[in-house]
Amino acid sequence: MPKKGSTTCGQTSGPVRIVQKEPLPRKFILMNGLPDVGLVGVVAGSQIVSSLEMKEVGTVESELFPPLIVLHDGVPKSPIRVFGKEKLAVIIAETAIPAGAVYPIADAIVNWAASADADLVLSIGGMAVQNRQDIDSPKVFAAVSNKKLSKLVDGAAEILGEGYIVGAYALMLKKCAEIGLPAIALLTQSFYNYPDPEAAAAAVSSVNKILGLNVDTSELLRKGEEIR
């Protein structure tokens, strides 16, 4: 039972749980910013959350995650949180996902998105390239759960026709395809060992085009140039 004063709206079951504290509208879009190469998803997701002034609406909890919290303005927070505003929700992880939690977290996120009546699952990540330092404008590639979604990303990203994807996003894309939930994974050319704000800026620009947003990327580009 929720404690007195709790605003919990719902909680999924299983080894990884989505604890939803505030309701989301039907047919919302779920964006994932999990850590991977270049921290592209985390940086891009954080920029979107900050720019749109989204508020925390839930957390992702599991005994499979490291025993840690993050502090923001001196307040302890879960390292994996759900932010929402209008018809957009963003999951951001400020900790690495342990290998043993990759399958459960991918499964939990897709199950929650489906049960909460999400309209689209949009995941943002990086694609490591050896000559990243020689690339001025990182390309954004897209993998889709259904060919019909290719029209949605037209002009925003280049469709991946062949290749492979690994990690949580690969599992999410596969499961979404199986259950008929529209899903897109945006993968941007990035550094492997360093945070890549410039790649995150390219990903945000693609998201702007796909979702009709206007999130500023100038600060990310400036940080990217400093790293370069």
Protein backbone atom coordinates (compact mmCIF):
# COMPACT_ATOMS: atom_id res chain seq x y z
CA MET A 1 0.00 0.00 0.00
CA PRO A 2 1.28 3.52 -0.76
CA LYS A 3 2.28 5.55 2.28
CA LYS A 4 0.12 8.45 3.39
CA GLY A 5 0.68 11.44 1.14
CA SER A 6 2.01 9.35 -1.73
CA THR A 7 0.92 10.31 -5.24
CA THR A 8 1.71 6.91 -6.73
CA CYS A 9 -0.58 6.19 -9.69
CA GLY A 10 0.60 2.73 -10.56
CA GLN A 11 3.45 0.27 -10.40
CA THR A 12 4.46 -2.56 -12.68
CA SER A 13 5.61 -5.87 -11.22
CA GLY A 14 8.71 -7.94 -11.89
CA PRO A 15 12.45 -7.57 -11.27
CA VAL A 16 12.34 -4.04 -12.74
CA ARG A 17 9.39 -1.87 -11.72
CA ILE A 18 8.05 1.37 -13.20
CA VAL A 19 6.63 3.40 -10.32
CA GLN A 20 4.33 6.00 -11.83
CA LYS A 21 3.61 8.87 -9.44
CA GLU A 22 1.52 11.05 -11.71
CA PRO A 23 -0.78 10.13 -14.62
CA LEU A 24 0.17 10.48 -18.26
CA PRO A 25 -2.30 11.16 -21.07
CA ARG A 26 -3.37 8.40 -23.43
CA LYS A 27 -1.40 8.07 -26.66
CA PHE A 28 1.72 9.68 -25.22
CA ILE A 29 5.19 9.32 -26.73
CA LEU A 30 7.83 7.59 -24.62
CA MET A 31 11.44 8.63 -25.17
CA ASN A 32 14.34 6.62 -23.72
CA GLY A 33 17.68 8.15 -22.75
CA LEU A 34 19.65 5.21 -21.38
CA PRO A 35 23.47 5.35 -21.11
CA ASP A 36 25.45 3.85 -23.96
CA VAL A 37 28.38 4.91 -26.15
CA GLY A 38 28.96 8.66 -26.05
CA LEU A 39 26.18 9.01 -23.47
CA VAL A 40 24.17 10.33 -26.40
CA GLY A 41 20.78 9.29 -25.04
CA VAL A 42 21.40 10.64 -21.55
CA VAL A 43 22.72 14.00 -22.77
CA ALA A 44 20.02 14.43 -25.42
CA GLY A 45 17.24 13.36 -23.06
CA SER A 46 18.47 15.68 -20.33
CA GLN A 47 18.55 18.59 -22.76
CA ILE A 48 14.99 17.90 -23.84
CA VAL A 49 13.77 17.57 -20.24
CA SER A 50 15.48 20.82 -19.24
CA SER A 51 14.40 22.79 -22.31
CA LEU A 52 10.76 21.73 -22.03
CA GLU A 53 10.77 22.11 -18.22
CA MET A 54 9.40 18.62 -17.77
CA LYS A 55 8.63 17.38 -14.26
CA GLU A 56 9.34 14.06 -12.61
CA VAL A 57 6.34 11.74 -12.87
CA GLY A 58 7.86 8.38 -11.93
CA THR A 59 10.91 6.24 -11.28
CA VAL A 60 12.36 2.94 -12.43
CA GLU A 61 13.29 0.70 -9.50
CA SER A 62 15.01 -2.66 -9.13
CA GLU A 63 17.23 -4.64 -6.78
CA LEU A 64 19.28 -5.40 -9.89
CA PHE A 65 20.51 -1.79 -10.02
CA PRO A 66 23.53 -0.52 -8.04
CA PRO A 67 22.68 0.61 -4.48
CA LEU A 68 22.95 4.34 -5.12
CA ILE A 69 21.02 7.58 -5.32
CA VAL A 70 21.71 10.86 -7.08
CA LEU A 71 21.46 14.26 -5.44
CA HIS A 72 19.79 17.22 -7.13
CA ASP A 73 19.57 20.47 -5.16
CA GLY A 74 20.51 18.42 -2.11
CA VAL A 75 17.53 16.10 -2.50
CA PRO A 76 18.02 12.32 -2.98
CA LYS A 77 16.59 11.01 -6.22
CA SER A 78 16.34 7.67 -7.98
CA PRO A 79 19.08 7.44 -10.66
CA ILE A 80 16.50 6.35 -13.25
CA ARG A 81 13.52 8.65 -13.49
CA VAL A 82 10.54 9.33 -15.73
CA PHE A 83 9.76 12.91 -16.72
CA GLY A 84 6.57 14.08 -18.37
CA LYS A 85 4.86 17.06 -19.93
CA GLU A 86 1.70 17.00 -22.00
CA LYS A 87 1.99 13.98 -24.34
CA LEU A 88 5.73 13.36 -23.96
CA ALA A 89 7.46 11.19 -21.36
CA VAL A 90 11.24 10.76 -21.08
CA ILE A 91 13.15 8.09 -19.15
CA ILE A 92 16.67 9.15 -18.19
CA ALA A 93 19.19 6.89 -16.43
CA GLU A 94 22.02 8.55 -14.52
CA THR A 95 23.70 5.23 -13.81
CA ALA A 96 24.99 2.40 -15.98
CA ILE A 97 22.58 -0.48 -16.49
CA PRO A 98 24.19 -3.71 -15.16
CA ALA A 99 24.38 -6.57 -17.65
CA GLY A 100 21.97 -8.64 -15.58
CA ALA A 101 19.35 -5.89 -15.74
CA VAL A 102 19.40 -5.23 -19.49
CA TYR A 103 16.76 -7.82 -20.39
CA PRO A 104 14.47 -7.01 -17.43
CA ILE A 105 14.59 -3.21 -17.94
CA ALA A 106 13.90 -3.48 -21.67
CA ASP A 107 11.00 -5.82 -20.97
CA ALA A 108 9.62 -3.61 -18.19
CA ILE A 109 9.76 -0.41 -20.24
CA VAL A 110 7.98 -1.92 -23.24
CA ASN A 111 5.36 -3.62 -21.07
CA TRP A 112 4.70 -0.37 -19.23
CA ALA A 113 4.52 1.64 -22.45
CA ALA A 114 2.02 -0.82 -23.91
CA SER A 115 -0.13 -0.97 -20.76
CA ALA A 116 -0.08 2.82 -20.40
CA ASP A 117 -1.28 3.18 -24.00
CA ALA A 118 1.83 4.83 -25.43
CA ASP A 119 1.61 5.77 -29.09
CA LEU A 120 5.33 5.54 -29.89
CA VAL A 121 8.56 4.40 -28.21
CA LEU A 122 11.49 6.56 -29.31
CA SER A 123 14.95 5.55 -28.09
CA ILE A 124 18.09 7.70 -28.44
CA GLY A 125 21.59 6.24 -28.46
CA GLY A 126 25.06 6.41 -29.95
CA MET A 127 26.85 4.52 -32.69
CA ALA A 128 30.62 4.40 -32.12
CA VAL A 129 32.78 5.26 -35.13
CA GLN A 130 36.59 5.11 -35.20
CA ASN A 131 37.08 8.37 -37.10
CA ARG A 132 34.62 10.39 -35.01
CA GLN A 133 37.14 13.23 -34.49
CA ASP A 134 37.18 13.78 -38.28
CA ILE A 135 33.39 14.03 -38.58
CA ASP A 136 32.06 17.60 -38.35
CA SER A 137 28.37 16.72 -38.51
CA PRO A 138 27.50 13.32 -37.01
CA LYS A 139 24.89 11.38 -38.96
CA VAL A 140 21.76 10.06 -37.28
CA PHE A 141 20.51 6.63 -38.31
CA ALA A 142 17.13 5.12 -37.51
CA ALA A 143 15.94 1.58 -36.96
CA VAL A 144 12.16 1.12 -36.99
CA SER A 145 9.85 -1.60 -35.73
CA ASN A 146 7.67 -1.30 -38.83
CA LYS A 147 8.51 -0.10 -42.34
CA LYS A 148 5.54 2.30 -42.21
CA LEU A 149 7.48 4.37 -39.67
CA SER A 150 10.09 5.18 -42.32
CA LYS A 151 7.91 8.08 -43.47
CA LEU A 152 7.98 9.54 -39.96
CA VAL A 153 11.78 9.72 -39.89
CA ASP A 154 12.14 10.85 -43.50
CA GLY A 155 14.37 13.93 -43.54
CA ALA A 156 15.31 13.48 -39.88
CA ALA A 157 17.49 10.36 -40.00
CA GLU A 158 18.83 7.79 -42.42
CA ILE A 159 17.13 4.39 -42.23
CA LEU A 160 19.41 1.51 -41.31
CA GLY A 161 18.79 -1.05 -44.02
CA GLU A 162 21.30 -3.64 -42.87
CA GLY A 163 23.39 -4.21 -39.74
CA TYR A 164 22.82 -5.03 -36.13
CA ILE A 165 22.00 -3.30 -32.84
CA VAL A 166 22.92 -4.54 -29.37
CA GLY A 167 21.78 -3.71 -25.86
CA ALA A 168 18.51 -2.59 -24.30
CA TYR A 169 17.35 -0.67 -27.38
CA ALA A 170 17.74 -3.77 -29.54
CA LEU A 171 15.55 -5.75 -27.15
CA MET A 172 12.96 -2.95 -26.99
CA LEU A 173 12.79 -2.65 -30.77
CA LYS A 174 12.38 -6.41 -31.14
CA LYS A 175 9.64 -6.67 -28.54
CA CYS A 176 7.79 -3.62 -29.87
CA ALA A 177 7.82 -5.19 -33.33
CA GLU A 178 6.42 -8.41 -31.88
CA ILE A 179 3.53 -6.75 -30.05
CA GLY A 180 2.77 -4.13 -32.69
CA LEU A 181 3.86 -1.08 -30.67
CA PRO A 182 5.46 1.53 -32.98
CA ALA A 183 9.11 2.08 -32.06
CA ILE A 184 12.09 3.99 -33.43
CA ALA A 185 15.72 3.83 -32.31
CA LEU A 186 17.83 6.85 -33.27
CA LEU A 187 21.56 6.06 -33.31
CA THR A 188 24.04 8.90 -33.84
CA GLN A 189 27.69 8.60 -34.85
CA SER A 190 29.65 9.23 -31.66
CA PHE A 191 32.83 8.78 -29.68
CA TYR A 192 33.10 5.47 -27.86
CA ASN A 193 35.04 6.47 -24.74
CA TYR A 194 33.94 10.10 -24.29
CA PRO A 195 30.64 11.92 -23.75
CA ASP A 196 29.60 13.39 -27.10
CA PRO A 197 27.37 16.49 -26.75
CA GLU A 198 27.71 17.20 -30.47
CA ALA A 199 26.25 13.79 -31.31
CA ALA A 200 23.51 14.46 -28.74
CA ALA A 201 22.76 17.76 -30.51
CA ALA A 202 22.35 15.92 -33.81
CA ALA A 203 19.99 13.46 -32.11
CA VAL A 204 17.94 16.30 -30.59
CA SER A 205 17.68 17.95 -34.02
CA SER A 206 16.26 14.69 -35.39
CA VAL A 207 13.80 14.46 -32.51
CA ASN A 208 12.75 18.07 -33.20
CA LYS A 209 11.89 17.14 -36.78
CA ILE A 210 10.11 13.89 -35.90
CA LEU A 211 8.03 15.27 -33.02
CA GLY A 212 7.71 18.89 -34.13
CA LEU A 213 9.64 20.23 -31.13
CA ASN A 214 11.93 23.26 -30.94
CA VAL A 215 14.59 22.24 -28.41
CA ASP A 216 17.71 24.43 -28.64
CA THR A 217 20.98 22.63 -29.37
CA SER A 218 23.45 25.55 -29.35
CA GLU A 219 24.81 24.77 -25.87
CA LEU A 220 25.40 21.13 -26.78
CA LEU A 221 27.22 22.17 -29.95
CA ARG A 222 29.44 24.52 -27.96
CA LYS A 223 30.34 21.77 -25.49
CA GLY A 224 30.97 19.39 -28.36
CA GLU A 225 33.43 21.80 -29.93
CA GLU A 226 35.28 22.11 -26.60
CA ILE A 227 35.66 18.31 -26.42
CA ARG A 228 36.82 18.20 -30.05
